[in-house]
Each structure stands twice: as C-alpha cells, then as structure tokens.
C-alpha atoms as a PDB file:
ATOM      1  CA  UNK A   1       5.266  15.660  -5.399  1.00  0.00           C
ATOM      2  CA  UNK A   2       5.175  11.987  -4.438  1.00  0.00           C
ATOM      3  CA  UNK A   3       1.823  10.197  -4.601  1.00  0.00           C
ATOM      4  CA  UNK A   4       0.519   7.575  -2.166  1.00  0.00           C
ATOM      5  CA  UNK A   5      -2.562   5.390  -2.643  1.00  0.00           C
ATOM      6  CA  UNK A   6      -4.100   3.754   0.434  1.00  0.00           C
ATOM      7  CA  UNK A   7      -6.394   0.782  -0.251  1.00  0.00           C
ATOM      8  CA  UNK A   8      -8.525  -0.817   2.444  1.00  0.00           C
ATOM      9  CA  UNK A   9     -12.082  -1.719   3.312  1.00  0.00           C
ATOM     10  CA  UNK A  10     -11.923  -0.145   6.789  1.00  0.00           C
ATOM     11  CA  UNK A  11     -12.323   3.670   6.618  1.00  0.00           C
ATOM     12  CA  UNK A  12     -10.780   4.164  10.054  1.00  0.00           C
ATOM     13  CA  UNK A  13      -7.611   2.304   9.075  1.00  0.00           C
ATOM     14  CA  UNK A  14      -7.295   4.262   5.816  1.00  0.00           C
ATOM     15  CA  UNK A  15      -7.696   7.528   7.714  1.00  0.00           C
ATOM     16  CA  UNK A  16      -5.184   6.456  10.346  1.00  0.00           C
ATOM     17  CA  UNK A  17      -2.494   5.799   7.726  1.00  0.00           C
ATOM     18  CA  UNK A  18      -3.345   9.045   5.911  1.00  0.00           C
ATOM     19  CA  UNK A  19      -3.093  10.989   9.195  1.00  0.00           C
ATOM     20  CA  UNK A  20       0.310   9.450   9.835  1.00  0.00           C
ATOM     21  CA  UNK A  21       1.498  11.007   6.555  1.00  0.00           C
ATOM     22  CA  UNK A  22      -0.378  14.300   6.852  1.00  0.00           C
ATOM     23  CA  UNK A  23       2.672  16.477   7.502  1.00  0.00           C
ATOM     24  CA  UNK A  24       4.798  14.943   4.736  1.00  0.00           C
ATOM     25  CA  UNK A  25       4.778  16.585   1.319  1.00  0.00           C
ATOM     26  CA  UNK A  26       2.875  13.796  -0.459  1.00  0.00           C
ATOM     27  CA  UNK A  27      -0.442  13.589  -2.254  1.00  0.00           C
ATOM     28  CA  UNK A  28      -2.624  10.974  -0.575  1.00  0.00           C
ATOM     29  CA  UNK A  29      -5.557   9.186  -2.181  1.00  0.00           C
ATOM     30  CA  UNK A  30      -7.686   6.575  -0.445  1.00  0.00           C
ATOM     31  CA  UNK A  31     -10.001   3.941  -1.915  1.00  0.00           C
ATOM     32  CA  UNK A  32     -11.888   1.035  -0.385  1.00  0.00           C
ATOM     33  CA  UNK A  33     -11.846  -1.583  -3.176  1.00  0.00           C
ATOM     34  CA  UNK A  34      -9.169  -3.137  -5.349  1.00  0.00           C
ATOM     35  CA  UNK A  35     -11.191  -2.205  -8.463  1.00  0.00           C
ATOM     36  CA  UNK A  36     -11.012   1.462  -7.449  1.00  0.00           C
ATOM     37  CA  UNK A  37      -7.290   1.093  -6.797  1.00  0.00           C
ATOM     38  CA  UNK A  38      -6.820  -0.396 -10.265  1.00  0.00           C
ATOM     39  CA  UNK A  39      -8.625   2.571 -11.808  1.00  0.00           C
ATOM     40  CA  UNK A  40      -6.526   5.039  -9.804  1.00  0.00           C
ATOM     41  CA  UNK A  41      -3.275   3.314 -10.825  1.00  0.00           C
ATOM     42  CA  UNK A  42      -4.242   3.376 -14.496  1.00  0.00           C
ATOM     43  CA  UNK A  43      -5.235   7.053 -14.343  1.00  0.00           C
ATOM     44  CA  UNK A  44      -2.199   8.323 -12.474  1.00  0.00           C
ATOM     45  CA  UNK A  45       1.240   7.199 -11.443  1.00  0.00           C
ATOM     46  CA  UNK A  46       1.678   6.434  -7.756  1.00  0.00           C
ATOM     47  CA  UNK A  47       4.982   6.093  -5.989  1.00  0.00           C
ATOM     48  CA  UNK A  48       3.588   3.920  -3.212  1.00  0.00           C
ATOM     49  CA  UNK A  49       0.473   1.804  -2.724  1.00  0.00           C
ATOM     50  CA  UNK A  50      -0.427   0.754   0.824  1.00  0.00           C
ATOM     51  CA  UNK A  51      -2.875  -2.153   1.040  1.00  0.00           C
ATOM     52  CA  UNK A  52      -4.681  -2.858   4.291  1.00  0.00           C
ATOM     53  CA  UNK A  53      -6.408  -6.063   3.145  1.00  0.00           C
ATOM     54  CA  UNK A  54      -5.045  -9.452   2.134  1.00  0.00           C
ATOM     55  CA  UNK A  55      -8.295 -10.556   0.487  1.00  0.00           C
ATOM     56  CA  UNK A  56      -7.322  -9.359  -3.021  1.00  0.00           C
ATOM     57  CA  UNK A  57      -4.321 -11.689  -2.911  1.00  0.00           C
ATOM     58  CA  UNK A  58      -6.515 -14.687  -2.140  1.00  0.00           C
ATOM     59  CA  UNK A  59      -9.677 -14.008  -4.164  1.00  0.00           C
ATOM     60  CA  UNK A  60      -8.046 -14.380  -7.573  1.00  0.00           C
ATOM     61  CA  UNK A  61      -8.005 -10.689  -8.516  1.00  0.00           C
ATOM     62  CA  UNK A  62      -4.208 -10.647  -8.980  1.00  0.00           C
ATOM     63  CA  UNK A  63      -3.591  -7.281  -7.327  1.00  0.00           C
ATOM     64  CA  UNK A  64       0.006  -7.036  -8.488  1.00  0.00           C
ATOM     65  CA  UNK A  65      -0.978  -6.943 -12.159  1.00  0.00           C
ATOM     66  CA  UNK A  66      -3.865  -4.583 -11.366  1.00  0.00           C
ATOM     67  CA  UNK A  67      -1.776  -2.140  -9.327  1.00  0.00           C
ATOM     68  CA  UNK A  68       1.285  -2.310 -11.538  1.00  0.00           C
ATOM     69  CA  UNK A  69      -0.109  -2.029 -15.073  1.00  0.00           C
ATOM     70  CA  UNK A  70       2.239  -2.692 -17.978  1.00  0.00           C
ATOM     71  CA  UNK A  71       3.983   0.271 -19.550  1.00  0.00           C
ATOM     72  CA  UNK A  72       3.257   2.462 -16.524  1.00  0.00           C
ATOM     73  CA  UNK A  73       5.509   3.249 -13.601  1.00  0.00           C
ATOM     74  CA  UNK A  74       5.345   0.433 -11.090  1.00  0.00           C
ATOM     75  CA  UNK A  75       4.721   1.697  -7.558  1.00  0.00           C
ATOM     76  CA  UNK A  76       6.237   0.208  -4.440  1.00  0.00           C
ATOM     77  CA  UNK A  77       3.668  -1.886  -2.568  1.00  0.00           C
ATOM     78  CA  UNK A  78       3.314  -2.104   1.209  1.00  0.00           C
ATOM     79  CA  UNK A  79       0.848  -4.569   2.739  1.00  0.00           C
ATOM     80  CA  UNK A  80      -0.332  -4.142   6.324  1.00  0.00           C
ATOM     81  CA  UNK A  81      -2.266  -7.014   7.869  1.00  0.00           C
ATOM     82  CA  UNK A  82      -3.110  -8.908  11.036  1.00  0.00           C
ATOM     83  CA  UNK A  83      -1.767 -12.103   9.445  1.00  0.00           C
ATOM     84  CA  UNK A  84       1.494 -13.175  11.101  1.00  0.00           C
ATOM     85  CA  UNK A  85       1.813 -16.547   9.354  1.00  0.00           C
ATOM     86  CA  UNK A  86       5.271 -17.062   7.882  1.00  0.00           C
ATOM     87  CA  UNK A  87       3.727 -18.670   4.808  1.00  0.00           C
ATOM     88  CA  UNK A  88       1.517 -15.626   4.178  1.00  0.00           C
ATOM     89  CA  UNK A  89       4.458 -13.274   4.577  1.00  0.00           C
ATOM     90  CA  UNK A  90       6.622 -15.308   2.199  1.00  0.00           C
ATOM     91  CA  UNK A  91       3.839 -15.531  -0.379  1.00  0.00           C
ATOM     92  CA  UNK A  92       3.389 -11.741  -0.284  1.00  0.00           C
ATOM     93  CA  UNK A  93       7.092 -11.214  -1.000  1.00  0.00           C
ATOM     94  CA  UNK A  94       6.957 -13.791  -3.785  1.00  0.00           C
ATOM     95  CA  UNK A  95       4.068 -11.812  -5.309  1.00  0.00           C
ATOM     96  CA  UNK A  96       6.271  -8.709  -5.391  1.00  0.00           C
ATOM     97  CA  UNK A  97       5.241  -6.891  -2.225  1.00  0.00           C
ATOM     98  CA  UNK A  98       7.954  -4.452  -1.145  1.00  0.00           C
ATOM     99  CA  UNK A  99       7.170  -4.355   2.598  1.00  0.00           C
ATOM    100  CA  UNK A 100       4.877  -6.500   4.733  1.00  0.00           C
ATOM    101  CA  UNK A 101       3.962  -5.111   8.138  1.00  0.00           C
ATOM    102  CA  UNK A 102       1.675  -6.558  10.787  1.00  0.00           C
ATOM    103  CA  UNK A 103      -0.686  -5.060  13.312  1.00  0.00           C
ATOM    104  CA  UNK A 104      -0.267  -3.759  15.896  1.00  0.00           C
ATOM    105  CA  UNK A 105       1.721  -1.114  14.043  1.00  0.00           C
ATOM    106  CA  UNK A 106       4.663   0.853  15.267  1.00  0.00           C
ATOM    107  CA  UNK A 107       3.722   4.221  13.732  1.00  0.00           C
ATOM    108  CA  UNK A 108       7.266   5.603  13.884  1.00  0.00           C
ATOM    109  CA  UNK A 109       8.656   2.537  12.116  1.00  0.00           C
ATOM    110  CA  UNK A 110       5.964   2.617   9.406  1.00  0.00           C
ATOM    111  CA  UNK A 111       6.486   6.323   8.817  1.00  0.00           C
ATOM    112  CA  UNK A 112      10.244   5.801   8.600  1.00  0.00           C
ATOM    113  CA  UNK A 113       9.834   2.996   6.033  1.00  0.00           C
ATOM    114  CA  UNK A 114       7.457   5.107   3.969  1.00  0.00           C
ATOM    115  CA  UNK A 115       9.773   8.118   4.041  1.00  0.00           C
ATOM    116  CA  UNK A 116      12.761   5.980   3.096  1.00  0.00           C
ATOM    117  CA  UNK A 117      10.839   4.467   0.172  1.00  0.00           C
ATOM    118  CA  UNK A 118       9.686   7.898  -1.021  1.00  0.00           C
ATOM    119  CA  UNK A 119      13.049   9.593  -0.337  1.00  0.00           C
ATOM    120  CA  UNK A 120      11.472  12.286   1.821  1.00  0.00           C
ATOM    121  CA  UNK A 121      12.222  13.796   5.225  1.00  0.00           C
ATOM    122  CA  UNK A 122      10.678  12.166   8.293  1.00  0.00           C
END
C-alpha cells in the first residue's frame, strides 16, 4: 500500500487533503511540524510527502534533506501554498520539489496529480 505524509500547521488544510484521498487505497499520516515529518520519514518510507507550508524552506531547516534522508527511499514532494511568485516557484523546483500547486486548489487536478504520482486509480 502506498503511503502519504501530509505536513502543515493548519489542521483544517491537512484534513481537507486527507479527505480528498480518503477513497484511494493509501495510508495517510498527518503531522503539523517539519520535525515530526522528519521523524516520520526516518521511521517509515513514504511514497509522497505533501507540504502545506513554505516556512521550512525559508527558515533554514533544509526540508529536502530532512524529508529525503540518505540511504532511504526518497519520496516525491508536493508543495501547496498561497505564494504565486515566479521566483518562489522556481526556487522550490530547484530544491527538488516534484509539484508546486497554489491555492485556491482545483481538487480534481490535485487528486489526479497525486494518483498519477502514486500509480493508482482516480
């Protein structure tokens, strides 16, 4: 079974993304801090990490190295944010982000991208 980790400080947003995936055969974990996400990624292999905050990219915590530990499977990383700045988007891709999506979200499009990444039925 595929595993998805949702990371974000807003509980409502985490629950919204989890609800969007509720009928797909995936295991979903949610955490509110990057430190918790790091622990989860070290304890178990995830196929996809969805981050709902940009702060970890700008506060010096180096989320890519935390979420993709050496010698462990490296999950795909989606970032969802309100930030529409071209520079922010480009910097996320340069960091190794797989998909960058902005609010307001198109739920069907997000679900389709997630299913394509996880090779599952929509």
